[in-house]
Amino acid sequence: MKKLSLLFAMWLIFNLFASYDVIAEEADDFKPTIVALGDSIPFGTSLRDRNQAFPNPILEGKTTVINKSATGQTSSQ
C-alpha cells in the first residue's frame, strides 16, 4: 500500500511540473451576437425605446442584437 501511495504521489508531482501550459489570448474585440425571434416581448411593444426590449440587456449590452421579432408573431410563422 505504501508503494502505491508513493507512486501516486510521484505521479502527481510529475504531472504538476510536466503539464503543458495553455496560453490563450483574450479577444477584446469579440462580441457575441444574439438573434431574437418571438412576439411582443422581445419586440418591445409597450416600451418607448425598443432598445430596452428583452434581448438587449443580455450581457449588459456587450452583444450585437439582431431582433427579428414582431408583434403578434406565432410559432408557425
PDB file of N, CA and C in Angstrom:
ATOM      1  N   MET A   1       0.814  -1.190   0.000  1.00  0.00           N
ATOM      2  CA  MET A   1       0.000   0.000   0.000  1.00  0.00           C
ATOM      3  C   MET A   1       0.860   1.258   0.000  1.00  0.00           C
ATOM      4  N   LYS A   2       1.976   1.239   0.774  1.00  0.00           N
ATOM      5  CA  LYS A   2       2.863   2.394   0.813  1.00  0.00           C
ATOM      6  C   LYS A   2       3.495   2.632  -0.548  1.00  0.00           C
ATOM      7  N   LYS A   3       3.798   1.525  -1.242  1.00  0.00           N
ATOM      8  CA  LYS A   3       4.421   1.638  -2.559  1.00  0.00           C
ATOM      9  C   LYS A   3       3.460   2.312  -3.537  1.00  0.00           C
ATOM     10  N   LEU A   4       2.186   1.945  -3.462  1.00  0.00           N
ATOM     11  CA  LEU A   4       1.173   2.533  -4.319  1.00  0.00           C
ATOM     12  C   LEU A   4       0.992   4.013  -4.014  1.00  0.00           C
ATOM     13  N   SER A   5       0.997   4.368  -2.740  1.00  0.00           N
ATOM     14  CA  SER A   5       0.866   5.772  -2.340  1.00  0.00           C
ATOM     15  C   SER A   5       2.062   6.584  -2.811  1.00  0.00           C
ATOM     16  N   LEU A   6       3.242   6.016  -2.703  1.00  0.00           N
ATOM     17  CA  LEU A   6       4.447   6.704  -3.162  1.00  0.00           C
ATOM     18  C   LEU A   6       4.419   6.902  -4.669  1.00  0.00           C
ATOM     19  N   LEU A   7       3.996   5.884  -5.406  1.00  0.00           N
ATOM     20  CA  LEU A   7       3.899   6.014  -6.863  1.00  0.00           C
ATOM     21  C   LEU A   7       2.866   7.072  -7.259  1.00  0.00           C
ATOM     22  N   PHE A   8       1.765   7.086  -6.552  1.00  0.00           N
ATOM     23  CA  PHE A   8       0.733   8.071  -6.843  1.00  0.00           C
ATOM     24  C   PHE A   8       1.242   9.486  -6.568  1.00  0.00           C
ATOM     25  N   ALA A   9       1.943   9.669  -5.459  1.00  0.00           N
ATOM     26  CA  ALA A   9       2.496  10.981  -5.118  1.00  0.00           C
ATOM     27  C   ALA A   9       3.513  11.423  -6.157  1.00  0.00           C
ATOM     28  N   MET A  10       4.367  10.495  -6.603  1.00  0.00           N
ATOM     29  CA  MET A  10       5.356  10.827  -7.636  1.00  0.00           C
ATOM     30  C   MET A  10       4.663  11.187  -8.946  1.00  0.00           C
ATOM     31  N   TRP A  11       3.610  10.472  -9.265  1.00  0.00           N
ATOM     32  CA  TRP A  11       2.855  10.747 -10.492  1.00  0.00           C
ATOM     33  C   TRP A  11       2.238  12.152 -10.433  1.00  0.00           C
ATOM     34  N   LEU A  12       1.678  12.513  -9.258  1.00  0.00           N
ATOM     35  CA  LEU A  12       1.097  13.844  -9.100  1.00  0.00           C
ATOM     36  C   LEU A  12       2.146  14.940  -9.258  1.00  0.00           C
ATOM     37  N   ILE A  13       3.291  14.747  -8.643  1.00  0.00           N
ATOM     38  CA  ILE A  13       4.369  15.737  -8.735  1.00  0.00           C
ATOM     39  C   ILE A  13       4.857  15.853 -10.169  1.00  0.00           C
ATOM     40  N   PHE A  14       5.011  14.726 -10.843  1.00  0.00           N
ATOM     41  CA  PHE A  14       5.440  14.745 -12.238  1.00  0.00           C
ATOM     42  C   PHE A  14       4.444  15.514 -13.106  1.00  0.00           C
ATOM     43  N   ASN A  15       3.147  15.243 -12.902  1.00  0.00           N
ATOM     44  CA  ASN A  15       2.126  15.930 -13.693  1.00  0.00           C
ATOM     45  C   ASN A  15       2.062  17.421 -13.380  1.00  0.00           C
ATOM     46  N   LEU A  16       2.382  17.792 -12.169  1.00  0.00           N
ATOM     47  CA  LEU A  16       2.373  19.196 -11.799  1.00  0.00           C
ATOM     48  C   LEU A  16       3.430  19.972 -12.575  1.00  0.00           C
ATOM     49  N   PHE A  17       4.615  19.388 -12.694  1.00  0.00           N
ATOM     50  CA  PHE A  17       5.706  20.093 -13.365  1.00  0.00           C
ATOM     51  C   PHE A  17       5.779  19.815 -14.856  1.00  0.00           C
ATOM     52  N   ALA A  18       5.218  18.723 -15.302  1.00  0.00           N
ATOM     53  CA  ALA A  18       5.320  18.359 -16.714  1.00  0.00           C
ATOM     54  C   ALA A  18       4.078  18.733 -17.511  1.00  0.00           C
ATOM     55  N   SER A  19       3.112  19.342 -16.864  1.00  0.00           N
ATOM     56  CA  SER A  19       1.891  19.681 -17.604  1.00  0.00           C
ATOM     57  C   SER A  19       2.171  20.809 -18.591  1.00  0.00           C
ATOM     58  N   TYR A  20       1.417  20.786 -19.646  1.00  0.00           N
ATOM     59  CA  TYR A  20       1.577  21.800 -20.672  1.00  0.00           C
ATOM     60  C   TYR A  20       0.794  23.042 -20.279  1.00  0.00           C
ATOM     61  N   ASP A  21       1.410  24.169 -20.470  1.00  0.00           N
ATOM     62  CA  ASP A  21       0.711  25.425 -20.224  1.00  0.00           C
ATOM     63  C   ASP A  21      -0.020  25.831 -21.487  1.00  0.00           C
ATOM     64  N   VAL A  22      -1.264  26.135 -21.318  1.00  0.00           N
ATOM     65  CA  VAL A  22      -2.056  26.611 -22.445  1.00  0.00           C
ATOM     66  C   VAL A  22      -2.264  28.097 -22.228  1.00  0.00           C
ATOM     67  N   ILE A  23      -1.778  28.848 -23.160  1.00  0.00           N
ATOM     68  CA  ILE A  23      -1.895  30.296 -23.050  1.00  0.00           C
ATOM     69  C   ILE A  23      -2.850  30.764 -24.135  1.00  0.00           C
ATOM     70  N   ALA A  24      -3.916  31.381 -23.708  1.00  0.00           N
ATOM     71  CA  ALA A  24      -4.896  31.893 -24.655  1.00  0.00           C
ATOM     72  C   ALA A  24      -4.950  33.405 -24.525  1.00  0.00           C
ATOM     73  N   GLU A  25      -4.951  34.044 -25.654  1.00  0.00           N
ATOM     74  CA  GLU A  25      -5.065  35.486 -25.640  1.00  0.00           C
ATOM     75  C   GLU A  25      -6.535  35.872 -25.544  1.00  0.00           C
ATOM     76  N   GLU A  26      -6.802  36.876 -24.750  1.00  0.00           N
ATOM     77  CA  GLU A  26      -8.174  37.355 -24.667  1.00  0.00           C
ATOM     78  C   GLU A  26      -8.474  38.182 -25.896  1.00  0.00           C
ATOM     79  N   ALA A  27      -9.619  37.904 -26.448  1.00  0.00           N
ATOM     80  CA  ALA A  27     -10.041  38.656 -27.622  1.00  0.00           C
ATOM     81  C   ALA A  27     -10.929  39.797 -27.155  1.00  0.00           C
ATOM     82  N   ASP A  28     -10.355  40.982 -27.069  1.00  0.00           N
ATOM     83  CA  ASP A  28     -11.112  42.136 -26.612  1.00  0.00           C
ATOM     84  C   ASP A  28     -12.165  42.562 -27.624  1.00  0.00           C
ATOM     85  N   ASP A  29     -11.945  42.210 -28.875  1.00  0.00           N
ATOM     86  CA  ASP A  29     -12.876  42.635 -29.910  1.00  0.00           C
ATOM     87  C   ASP A  29     -13.997  41.618 -30.149  1.00  0.00           C
ATOM     88  N   PHE A  30     -14.013  40.525 -29.378  1.00  0.00           N
ATOM     89  CA  PHE A  30     -15.059  39.519 -29.535  1.00  0.00           C
ATOM     90  C   PHE A  30     -16.356  40.035 -28.953  1.00  0.00           C
ATOM     91  N   LYS A  31     -17.403  40.026 -29.746  1.00  0.00           N
ATOM     92  CA  LYS A  31     -18.709  40.486 -29.306  1.00  0.00           C
ATOM     93  C   LYS A  31     -19.735  39.473 -29.797  1.00  0.00           C
ATOM     94  N   PRO A  32     -20.345  38.690 -28.872  1.00  0.00           N
ATOM     95  CA  PRO A  32     -21.310  37.682 -29.306  1.00  0.00           C
ATOM     96  C   PRO A  32     -22.535  38.319 -29.944  1.00  0.00           C
ATOM     97  N   THR A  33     -23.196  37.545 -30.791  1.00  0.00           N
ATOM     98  CA  THR A  33     -24.400  38.003 -31.467  1.00  0.00           C
ATOM     99  C   THR A  33     -25.593  37.203 -30.967  1.00  0.00           C
ATOM    100  N   ILE A  34     -26.670  37.895 -30.642  1.00  0.00           N
ATOM    101  CA  ILE A  34     -27.912  37.267 -30.214  1.00  0.00           C
ATOM    102  C   ILE A  34     -28.963  37.568 -31.262  1.00  0.00           C
ATOM    103  N   VAL A  35     -29.651  36.522 -31.724  1.00  0.00           N
ATOM    104  CA  VAL A  35     -30.766  36.695 -32.645  1.00  0.00           C
ATOM    105  C   VAL A  35     -32.041  36.425 -31.860  1.00  0.00           C
ATOM    106  N   ALA A  36     -32.923  37.421 -31.802  1.00  0.00           N
ATOM    107  CA  ALA A  36     -34.174  37.292 -31.059  1.00  0.00           C
ATOM    108  C   ALA A  36     -35.318  37.036 -32.023  1.00  0.00           C
ATOM    109  N   LEU A  37     -36.049  35.953 -31.755  1.00  0.00           N
ATOM    110  CA  LEU A  37     -37.249  35.619 -32.521  1.00  0.00           C
ATOM    111  C   LEU A  37     -38.399  35.567 -31.533  1.00  0.00           C
ATOM    112  N   GLY A  38     -39.535  36.066 -31.914  1.00  0.00           N
ATOM    113  CA  GLY A  38     -40.656  35.988 -30.990  1.00  0.00           C
ATOM    114  C   GLY A  38     -41.751  36.968 -31.319  1.00  0.00           C
ATOM    115  N   ASP A  39     -42.535  37.261 -30.279  1.00  0.00           N
ATOM    116  CA  ASP A  39     -43.677  38.148 -30.474  1.00  0.00           C
ATOM    117  C   ASP A  39     -43.434  39.482 -29.769  1.00  0.00           C
ATOM    118  N   SER A  40     -44.412  39.954 -29.017  1.00  0.00           N
ATOM    119  CA  SER A  40     -44.354  41.306 -28.466  1.00  0.00           C
ATOM    120  C   SER A  40     -43.303  41.512 -27.384  1.00  0.00           C
ATOM    121  N   ILE A  41     -42.913  40.471 -26.654  1.00  0.00           N
ATOM    122  CA  ILE A  41     -41.948  40.664 -25.562  1.00  0.00           C
ATOM    123  C   ILE A  41     -40.560  41.024 -26.095  1.00  0.00           C
ATOM    124  N   PRO A  42     -39.950  40.231 -26.975  1.00  0.00           N
ATOM    125  CA  PRO A  42     -38.652  40.667 -27.493  1.00  0.00           C
ATOM    126  C   PRO A  42     -38.766  41.858 -28.450  1.00  0.00           C
ATOM    127  N   PHE A  43     -39.945  42.058 -29.019  1.00  0.00           N
ATOM    128  CA  PHE A  43     -40.150  43.205 -29.901  1.00  0.00           C
ATOM    129  C   PHE A  43     -40.145  44.505 -29.107  1.00  0.00           C
ATOM    130  N   GLY A  44     -40.648  44.459 -27.866  1.00  0.00           N
ATOM    131  CA  GLY A  44     -40.684  45.646 -27.025  1.00  0.00           C
ATOM    132  C   GLY A  44     -41.895  46.519 -27.298  1.00  0.00           C
ATOM    133  N   THR A  45     -43.056  45.898 -27.493  1.00  0.00           N
ATOM    134  CA  THR A  45     -44.271  46.613 -27.880  1.00  0.00           C
ATOM    135  C   THR A  45     -44.621  47.770 -26.958  1.00  0.00           C
ATOM    136  N   SER A  46     -44.621  47.575 -25.660  1.00  0.00           N
ATOM    137  CA  SER A  46     -45.072  48.623 -24.740  1.00  0.00           C
ATOM    138  C   SER A  46     -43.950  49.560 -24.290  1.00  0.00           C
ATOM    139  N   LEU A  47     -42.790  49.448 -24.875  1.00  0.00           N
ATOM    140  CA  LEU A  47     -41.659  50.279 -24.456  1.00  0.00           C
ATOM    141  C   LEU A  47     -41.525  51.514 -25.344  1.00  0.00           C
ATOM    142  N   ARG A  48     -41.148  52.626 -24.740  1.00  0.00           N
ATOM    143  CA  ARG A  48     -40.893  53.839 -25.532  1.00  0.00           C
ATOM    144  C   ARG A  48     -39.654  53.651 -26.400  1.00  0.00           C
ATOM    145  N   ASP A  49     -38.640  53.050 -25.811  1.00  0.00           N
ATOM    146  CA  ASP A  49     -37.376  52.812 -26.516  1.00  0.00           C
ATOM    147  C   ASP A  49     -37.227  51.313 -26.743  1.00  0.00           C
ATOM    148  N   ARG A  50     -37.323  50.871 -27.979  1.00  0.00           N
ATOM    149  CA  ARG A  50     -37.230  49.429 -28.272  1.00  0.00           C
ATOM    150  C   ARG A  50     -35.856  48.856 -27.957  1.00  0.00           C
ATOM    151  N   ASN A  51     -34.865  49.703 -27.746  1.00  0.00           N
ATOM    152  CA  ASN A  51     -33.544  49.214 -27.345  1.00  0.00           C
ATOM    153  C   ASN A  51     -33.544  48.683 -25.919  1.00  0.00           C
ATOM    154  N   GLN A  52     -34.621  48.900 -25.187  1.00  0.00           N
ATOM    155  CA  GLN A  52     -34.764  48.366 -23.837  1.00  0.00           C
ATOM    156  C   GLN A  52     -35.475  47.015 -23.842  1.00  0.00           C
ATOM    157  N   ALA A  53     -35.834  46.493 -25.010  1.00  0.00           N
ATOM    158  CA  ALA A  53     -36.542  45.213 -25.124  1.00  0.00           C
ATOM    159  C   ALA A  53     -35.673  44.082 -24.594  1.00  0.00           C
ATOM    160  N   PHE A  54     -36.308  42.967 -24.289  1.00  0.00           N
ATOM    161  CA  PHE A  54     -35.692  41.838 -23.593  1.00  0.00           C
ATOM    162  C   PHE A  54     -34.299  41.430 -24.086  1.00  0.00           C
ATOM    163  N   PRO A  55     -34.038  41.208 -25.348  1.00  0.00           N
ATOM    164  CA  PRO A  55     -32.713  40.662 -25.685  1.00  0.00           C
ATOM    165  C   PRO A  55     -31.563  41.643 -25.497  1.00  0.00           C
ATOM    166  N   ASN A  56     -31.834  42.931 -25.498  1.00  0.00           N
ATOM    167  CA  ASN A  56     -30.748  43.919 -25.457  1.00  0.00           C
ATOM    168  C   ASN A  56     -29.942  43.957 -24.159  1.00  0.00           C
ATOM    169  N   PRO A  57     -30.562  43.826 -22.968  1.00  0.00           N
ATOM    170  CA  PRO A  57     -29.753  43.898 -21.750  1.00  0.00           C
ATOM    171  C   PRO A  57     -28.927  42.648 -21.444  1.00  0.00           C
ATOM    172  N   ILE A  58     -29.048  41.598 -22.243  1.00  0.00           N
ATOM    173  CA  ILE A  58     -28.270  40.382 -22.006  1.00  0.00           C
ATOM    174  C   ILE A  58     -26.786  40.716 -22.122  1.00  0.00           C
ATOM    175  N   LEU A  59     -26.000  40.237 -21.200  1.00  0.00           N
ATOM    176  CA  LEU A  59     -24.556  40.502 -21.102  1.00  0.00           C
ATOM    177  C   LEU A  59     -24.271  41.998 -21.017  1.00  0.00           C
ATOM    178  N   GLU A  60     -25.188  42.719 -20.375  1.00  0.00           N
ATOM    179  CA  GLU A  60     -25.022  44.147 -20.111  1.00  0.00           C
ATOM    180  C   GLU A  60     -24.751  44.959 -21.374  1.00  0.00           C
ATOM    181  N   GLY A  61     -25.376  44.564 -22.465  1.00  0.00           N
ATOM    182  CA  GLY A  61     -25.243  45.314 -23.705  1.00  0.00           C
ATOM    183  C   GLY A  61     -23.956  45.076 -24.465  1.00  0.00           C
ATOM    184  N   LYS A  62     -23.164  44.114 -24.054  1.00  0.00           N
ATOM    185  CA  LYS A  62     -21.899  43.829 -24.736  1.00  0.00           C
ATOM    186  C   LYS A  62     -22.102  42.800 -25.839  1.00  0.00           C
ATOM    187  N   THR A  63     -23.253  42.846 -26.467  1.00  0.00           N
ATOM    188  CA  THR A  63     -23.586  41.915 -27.538  1.00  0.00           C
ATOM    189  C   THR A  63     -24.127  42.687 -28.729  1.00  0.00           C
ATOM    190  N   THR A  64     -24.135  42.044 -29.863  1.00  0.00           N
ATOM    191  CA  THR A  64     -24.830  42.559 -31.025  1.00  0.00           C
ATOM    192  C   THR A  64     -26.170  41.853 -31.059  1.00  0.00           C
ATOM    193  N   VAL A  65     -27.261  42.605 -31.072  1.00  0.00           N
ATOM    194  CA  VAL A  65     -28.600  42.019 -31.053  1.00  0.00           C
ATOM    195  C   VAL A  65     -29.245  42.214 -32.408  1.00  0.00           C
ATOM    196  N   ILE A  66     -29.680  41.107 -32.994  1.00  0.00           N
ATOM    197  CA  ILE A  66     -30.469  41.130 -34.222  1.00  0.00           C
ATOM    198  C   ILE A  66     -31.881  40.733 -33.807  1.00  0.00           C
ATOM    199  N   ASN A  67     -32.774  41.696 -33.771  1.00  0.00           N
ATOM    200  CA  ASN A  67     -34.120  41.474 -33.274  1.00  0.00           C
ATOM    201  C   ASN A  67     -35.066  41.278 -34.461  1.00  0.00           C
ATOM    202  N   LYS A  68     -35.422  40.035 -34.731  1.00  0.00           N
ATOM    203  CA  LYS A  68     -36.313  39.683 -35.839  1.00  0.00           C
ATOM    204  C   LYS A  68     -37.720  39.365 -35.344  1.00  0.00           C
ATOM    205  N   SER A  69     -38.067  39.857 -34.172  1.00  0.00           N
ATOM    206  CA  SER A  69     -39.387  39.584 -33.619  1.00  0.00           C
ATOM    207  C   SER A  69     -40.403  40.591 -34.149  1.00  0.00           C
ATOM    208  N   ALA A  70     -41.675  40.230 -34.036  1.00  0.00           N
ATOM    209  CA  ALA A  70     -42.758  41.088 -34.497  1.00  0.00           C
ATOM    210  C   ALA A  70     -43.973  40.884 -33.609  1.00  0.00           C
ATOM    211  N   THR A  71     -44.740  41.937 -33.401  1.00  0.00           N
ATOM    212  CA  THR A  71     -45.943  41.836 -32.594  1.00  0.00           C
ATOM    213  C   THR A  71     -46.931  40.873 -33.251  1.00  0.00           C
ATOM    214  N   GLY A  72     -47.481  39.970 -32.448  1.00  0.00           N
ATOM    215  CA  GLY A  72     -48.463  39.020 -32.954  1.00  0.00           C
ATOM    216  C   GLY A  72     -47.866  37.806 -33.668  1.00  0.00           C
ATOM    217  N   GLN A  73     -46.560  37.654 -33.630  1.00  0.00           N
ATOM    218  CA  GLN A  73     -45.895  36.512 -34.289  1.00  0.00           C
ATOM    219  C   GLN A  73     -46.337  35.223 -33.626  1.00  0.00           C
ATOM    220  N   THR A  74     -46.565  34.165 -34.415  1.00  0.00           N
ATOM    221  CA  THR A  74     -46.921  32.851 -33.883  1.00  0.00           C
ATOM    222  C   THR A  74     -45.830  31.857 -34.216  1.00  0.00           C
ATOM    223  N   SER A  75     -45.878  30.698 -33.589  1.00  0.00           N
ATOM    224  CA  SER A  75     -44.828  29.709 -33.801  1.00  0.00           C
ATOM    225  C   SER A  75     -44.820  29.175 -35.234  1.00  0.00           C
ATOM    226  N   SER A  76     -45.942  29.199 -35.903  1.00  0.00           N
ATOM    227  CA  SER A  76     -45.973  28.708 -37.300  1.00  0.00           C
ATOM    228  C   SER A  76     -45.356  29.721 -38.254  1.00  0.00           C
ATOM    229  N   GLN A  77     -45.229  30.952 -37.822  1.00  0.00           N
ATOM    230  CA  GLN A  77     -44.640  31.973 -38.684  1.00  0.00           C
ATOM    231  C   GLN A  77     -43.152  31.994 -38.524  1.00  0.00           C
TER     232      GLN A  77
END
